[in-house]
Amino acid sequence: MSPLPSSQGMYFEEFQPGQRIVTAGRTVGESDVLAFAGLSGDFNPIHTDAEFSKSTPYGQRIVHGLLCLSIAVGLTMRSGFLGGTVLAFREIGDWKFVKPVFLGDTLHAEVEVAETKALPRLHAGTMMLAVTVKNQHGETTMKGNWTALVASTP
């Protein structure tokens, strides 16, 4: 395995349980919902039909939960601490969709290193991240754990 450039993300040995990062925010728009519906095939009217959605308990369209999860992954990667050092996204655990996300909401992720486990034979380690996704009001919209395989220092 060739070494990764030093300008990349952090290596496994640089992580310690308790480390935290808060990502930048991202506003979810109609084009995001329509693009995700097209990619996933999920054209449920609660996401895509404004008139239908008025009759639901939410009174408006809600954003696909899996789109919000994908946005959280993207925000985490954009933060740079895992860029180029993640070898595999291994697991999503105990994921809860707590509160709906609406068009125009701005999401950010709060990520904490929960556990680390060295895997010397793979020249890597697994890292469990406790992730909370919040909206612009500081309300938790979803939360759970991600486990990733992260490269060791070359």
Protein backbone atom coordinates (compact mmCIF):
# COMPACT_ATOMS: atom_id res chain seq x y z
CA MET A 1 0.00 0.00 0.00
CA SER A 2 1.49 3.36 -0.96
CA PRO A 3 1.54 6.19 1.58
CA LEU A 4 -1.16 8.85 1.39
CA PRO A 5 -0.20 12.50 0.88
CA SER A 6 0.35 14.39 4.14
CA SER A 7 -2.22 17.01 3.12
CA GLN A 8 -4.94 14.39 3.40
CA GLY A 9 -7.07 13.55 6.41
CA MET A 10 -5.92 12.23 9.74
CA TYR A 11 -4.53 8.72 10.13
CA PHE A 12 -5.97 6.15 12.52
CA GLU A 13 -3.31 6.77 15.22
CA GLU A 14 -4.21 10.47 15.35
CA PHE A 15 -7.74 9.78 16.60
CA GLN A 16 -8.67 9.47 20.26
CA PRO A 17 -12.06 8.75 21.80
CA GLY A 18 -13.76 11.99 22.75
CA GLN A 19 -12.42 14.05 19.84
CA ARG A 20 -15.20 16.16 18.33
CA ILE A 21 -15.78 18.07 15.12
CA VAL A 22 -18.68 20.20 13.99
CA THR A 23 -19.09 20.41 10.22
CA ALA A 24 -20.11 23.36 8.13
CA GLY A 25 -23.79 23.68 7.29
CA ARG A 26 -25.68 22.98 4.09
CA THR A 27 -29.14 24.14 3.12
CA VAL A 28 -31.34 21.49 1.51
CA GLY A 29 -33.21 22.74 -1.55
CA GLU A 30 -35.85 21.48 -3.93
CA SER A 31 -33.25 20.57 -6.53
CA ASP A 32 -31.58 18.26 -3.98
CA VAL A 33 -34.87 16.46 -3.30
CA LEU A 34 -35.70 16.07 -7.00
CA ALA A 35 -32.21 14.86 -7.86
CA PHE A 36 -32.32 12.32 -5.01
CA ALA A 37 -35.78 11.14 -6.06
CA GLY A 38 -34.44 10.59 -9.57
CA LEU A 39 -31.35 8.74 -8.39
CA SER A 40 -33.13 6.58 -5.83
CA GLY A 41 -36.47 6.12 -7.59
CA ASP A 42 -38.26 7.31 -4.43
CA PHE A 43 -40.90 9.69 -5.75
CA ASN A 44 -43.11 9.38 -2.66
CA PRO A 45 -45.47 12.39 -2.84
CA ILE A 46 -44.57 13.39 0.72
CA HIS A 47 -41.22 14.44 -0.77
CA THR A 48 -42.22 15.59 -4.25
CA ASP A 49 -45.84 16.85 -4.20
CA ALA A 50 -46.46 20.13 -2.39
CA GLU A 51 -50.26 19.87 -2.62
CA PHE A 52 -50.38 16.30 -1.36
CA SER A 53 -48.00 17.17 1.49
CA LYS A 54 -50.34 19.89 2.78
CA SER A 55 -52.72 17.10 3.86
CA THR A 56 -50.06 15.23 5.91
CA PRO A 57 -49.32 15.78 9.59
CA TYR A 58 -46.27 17.83 8.53
CA GLY A 59 -48.29 20.23 6.37
CA GLN A 60 -45.46 20.46 3.84
CA ARG A 61 -42.95 18.34 1.96
CA ILE A 62 -40.27 16.59 3.96
CA VAL A 63 -36.79 15.77 2.72
CA HIS A 64 -35.87 12.10 2.22
CA GLY A 65 -34.20 10.81 5.38
CA LEU A 66 -31.57 8.98 3.36
CA LEU A 67 -30.78 12.18 1.47
CA CYS A 68 -30.13 13.90 4.80
CA LEU A 69 -27.91 11.00 5.88
CA SER A 70 -25.99 11.33 2.60
CA ILE A 71 -25.61 15.07 3.12
CA ALA A 72 -24.23 14.42 6.61
CA VAL A 73 -21.65 12.01 5.16
CA GLY A 74 -20.69 14.63 2.58
CA LEU A 75 -20.38 17.38 5.19
CA THR A 76 -18.20 15.12 7.32
CA MET A 77 -15.94 14.34 4.37
CA ARG A 78 -15.75 18.03 3.41
CA SER A 79 -14.48 18.83 6.89
CA GLY A 80 -11.20 17.21 5.81
CA PHE A 81 -10.34 15.08 8.82
CA LEU A 82 -11.14 11.85 6.94
CA GLY A 83 -10.25 12.91 3.41
CA GLY A 84 -8.13 10.28 1.71
CA THR A 85 -7.57 8.17 4.82
CA VAL A 86 -10.91 6.36 4.98
CA LEU A 87 -10.52 2.96 3.36
CA ALA A 88 -14.10 1.77 3.84
CA PHE A 89 -17.40 2.88 5.32
CA ARG A 90 -18.27 -0.30 7.22
CA GLU A 91 -21.46 0.15 9.21
CA ILE A 92 -24.30 2.42 10.24
CA GLY A 93 -25.60 1.49 13.69
CA ASP A 94 -28.49 2.54 15.87
CA TRP A 95 -29.55 5.18 13.33
CA LYS A 96 -32.64 7.12 14.34
CA PHE A 97 -34.59 9.62 12.27
CA VAL A 98 -35.69 11.91 15.11
CA LYS A 99 -37.31 14.92 13.47
CA PRO A 100 -38.34 15.72 9.89
CA VAL A 101 -36.21 17.92 7.68
CA PHE A 102 -38.03 20.43 5.48
CA LEU A 103 -37.00 22.19 2.28
CA GLY A 104 -34.88 25.19 3.23
CA ASP A 105 -33.51 23.65 6.44
CA THR A 106 -29.77 23.96 6.99
CA LEU A 107 -28.08 20.85 8.35
CA HIS A 108 -24.74 20.29 10.02
CA ALA A 109 -23.20 17.23 11.67
CA GLU A 110 -21.62 16.95 15.09
CA VAL A 111 -19.19 14.04 15.07
CA GLU A 112 -17.44 12.46 18.05
CA VAL A 113 -14.90 9.65 18.00
CA ALA A 114 -16.60 7.05 20.21
CA GLU A 115 -14.24 4.06 19.88
CA THR A 116 -11.07 3.02 18.07
CA LYS A 117 -9.65 -0.43 17.44
CA ALA A 118 -6.30 -1.04 15.78
CA LEU A 119 -6.14 -3.68 13.03
CA PRO A 120 -2.37 -3.99 12.46
CA ARG A 121 -2.63 -6.77 9.86
CA LEU A 122 -4.66 -4.36 7.68
CA HIS A 123 -2.34 -1.41 8.44
CA ALA A 124 -5.50 0.37 9.57
CA GLY A 125 -8.02 0.57 12.36
CA THR A 126 -11.75 0.82 12.82
CA MET A 127 -13.25 3.92 14.27
CA MET A 128 -16.81 4.33 15.53
CA LEU A 129 -18.16 7.84 15.18
CA ALA A 130 -21.18 9.04 17.14
CA VAL A 131 -22.95 11.38 14.72
CA THR A 132 -25.75 13.85 15.43
CA VAL A 133 -27.30 15.82 12.57
CA LYS A 134 -28.90 19.11 13.58
CA ASN A 135 -30.92 21.77 11.80
CA GLN A 136 -30.53 25.54 11.91
CA HIS A 137 -32.48 25.68 15.19
CA GLY A 138 -30.07 23.27 16.92
CA GLU A 139 -32.70 20.51 16.89
CA THR A 140 -31.52 16.93 16.37
CA THR A 141 -32.96 15.55 13.14
CA MET A 142 -31.12 12.20 13.15
CA LYS A 143 -28.39 10.43 15.06
CA GLY A 144 -26.50 7.19 15.31
CA ASN A 145 -23.11 5.60 14.78
CA TRP A 146 -20.90 5.15 11.77
CA THR A 147 -17.99 2.73 11.67
CA ALA A 148 -15.17 3.34 9.23
CA LEU A 149 -11.89 1.66 8.39
CA VAL A 150 -9.13 4.29 8.52
CA ALA A 151 -5.56 3.94 7.23
CA SER A 152 -2.70 3.79 9.70
CA THR A 153 0.26 6.15 9.48
CA PRO A 154 2.55 4.97 6.66
